[in-house]
Amino acid sequence: MYRTTVNGKEIIITLAPKIRKEITDRDPLYEAVLQTVERLLQTKQPTFAVNHAMLGLIIGEVQRGEVTVFAVEHIIPKQNIFGSQNFFSTIEQQANL
C-alpha cells in the first residue's frame, strides 16, 4: 500500500495479493499509477489502465470516498498483449488528446 497527497487530496494505491507476491520492487508500479492520478481525480471513471514500458498494462479500479483508493488489480505483461505496438500507440495517442 502506498499513501500520499495529490493536490491536497489524500490517495491510496493498493495492490492485489497476487501482484504483491510477484512484484518485489513496487516503486515503478506506484510511480506509473501516480502519473495518472491527477487526471483520474478530475473524472468519474471507475477503472483505469496505465501503459508502463517495463511492466506492461497496469489495470485497476478507482474507489472514491473521503480517501480515493486506486486498486491495482492486474498487470498484463507486454509479451501477453497481441498486436501491442498498435495497441500502445493508440492508447498513447488517445491519452494525449
Protein backbone atom coordinates (compact mmCIF):
# COMPACT_ATOMS: atom_id res chain seq x y z
CA MET A 1 0.00 0.00 0.00
CA TYR A 2 1.17 3.50 -0.84
CA ARG A 3 -0.38 6.61 0.71
CA THR A 4 0.23 10.19 -0.43
CA THR A 5 -1.46 13.51 -1.17
CA VAL A 6 -2.13 14.86 -4.66
CA ASN A 7 -3.39 18.44 -4.98
CA GLY A 8 -4.41 18.41 -1.33
CA LYS A 9 -6.43 15.19 -1.69
CA GLU A 10 -5.30 12.07 0.14
CA ILE A 11 -4.99 8.97 -2.04
CA ILE A 12 -4.01 5.36 -1.50
CA ILE A 13 -2.67 2.90 -4.06
CA THR A 14 -3.30 -0.74 -3.19
CA LEU A 15 -2.13 -3.89 -4.93
CA ALA A 16 -3.99 -7.16 -5.38
CA PRO A 17 -2.48 -10.05 -3.36
CA LYS A 18 -1.08 -11.75 -6.48
CA ILE A 19 0.71 -8.56 -7.52
CA ARG A 20 2.12 -8.07 -4.01
CA LYS A 21 3.61 -11.58 -4.22
CA GLU A 22 5.00 -11.24 -7.74
CA ILE A 23 6.48 -7.73 -7.69
CA THR A 24 9.19 -7.02 -5.16
CA ASP A 25 10.29 -3.59 -6.45
CA ARG A 26 6.98 -1.75 -6.31
CA ASP A 27 8.28 1.79 -6.77
CA PRO A 28 8.00 1.79 -10.61
CA LEU A 29 4.43 0.49 -10.28
CA TYR A 30 3.42 3.18 -7.78
CA GLU A 31 5.09 5.87 -9.90
CA ALA A 32 3.25 4.72 -13.03
CA VAL A 33 -0.12 4.93 -11.29
CA LEU A 34 0.77 8.30 -9.71
CA GLN A 35 1.38 9.74 -13.19
CA THR A 36 -2.34 9.32 -13.99
CA VAL A 37 -3.85 10.11 -10.58
CA GLU A 38 -4.29 13.83 -11.17
CA ARG A 39 -6.22 13.22 -14.40
CA LEU A 40 -8.29 10.43 -12.84
CA LEU A 41 -9.27 12.63 -9.91
CA GLN A 42 -10.87 15.04 -12.40
CA THR A 43 -13.11 12.34 -13.90
CA LYS A 44 -15.71 9.89 -12.65
CA GLN A 45 -14.03 6.91 -14.31
CA PRO A 46 -14.41 3.73 -12.24
CA THR A 47 -11.44 1.97 -13.89
CA PHE A 48 -8.03 2.85 -15.30
CA ALA A 49 -5.24 1.36 -17.42
CA VAL A 50 -1.66 2.59 -17.46
CA ASN A 51 0.90 1.65 -20.11
CA HIS A 52 4.29 1.06 -18.47
CA ALA A 53 7.39 0.44 -20.58
CA MET A 54 8.73 -2.38 -18.38
CA LEU A 55 5.71 -3.78 -16.54
CA GLY A 56 3.12 -3.73 -19.34
CA LEU A 57 -0.53 -2.74 -18.98
CA ILE A 58 -1.50 -1.90 -15.39
CA ILE A 59 -5.25 -2.24 -14.82
CA GLY A 60 -7.11 -1.03 -11.78
CA GLU A 61 -10.23 0.33 -10.18
CA VAL A 62 -10.92 3.74 -8.63
CA GLN A 63 -12.76 3.59 -5.30
CA ARG A 64 -13.99 7.06 -4.40
CA GLY A 65 -14.71 8.24 -0.88
CA GLU A 66 -13.14 10.53 1.71
CA VAL A 67 -9.86 8.98 0.60
CA THR A 68 -9.66 7.88 -3.03
CA VAL A 69 -8.19 4.41 -3.47
CA PHE A 70 -6.56 3.27 -6.69
CA ALA A 71 -6.69 -0.52 -6.51
CA VAL A 72 -4.29 -2.18 -8.97
CA GLU A 73 -5.96 -5.46 -9.90
CA HIS A 74 -3.97 -6.80 -12.87
CA ILE A 75 -0.75 -6.33 -14.78
CA ILE A 76 -0.65 -7.72 -18.29
CA PRO A 77 2.96 -8.13 -19.45
CA LYS A 78 3.65 -6.61 -22.87
CA GLN A 79 4.53 -10.02 -24.31
CA ASN A 80 0.98 -11.17 -23.48
CA ILE A 81 -0.68 -8.33 -25.39
CA PHE A 82 -1.15 -9.28 -29.02
CA GLY A 83 -0.56 -6.52 -31.52
CA SER A 84 0.96 -4.48 -28.70
CA GLN A 85 2.67 -1.91 -30.92
CA ASN A 86 -0.61 -0.81 -32.48
CA PHE A 87 -2.43 -1.14 -29.16
CA PHE A 88 0.01 1.02 -27.20
CA SER A 89 0.30 3.64 -29.95
CA THR A 90 -3.49 4.01 -29.97
CA ILE A 91 -3.61 4.36 -26.17
CA GLU A 92 -0.83 6.95 -26.19
CA GLN A 93 -2.49 8.95 -28.98
CA GLN A 94 -5.85 8.99 -27.17
CA ALA A 95 -4.23 9.92 -23.84
CA ASN A 96 -2.56 12.95 -25.41
CA LEU A 97 -5.82 14.37 -26.78
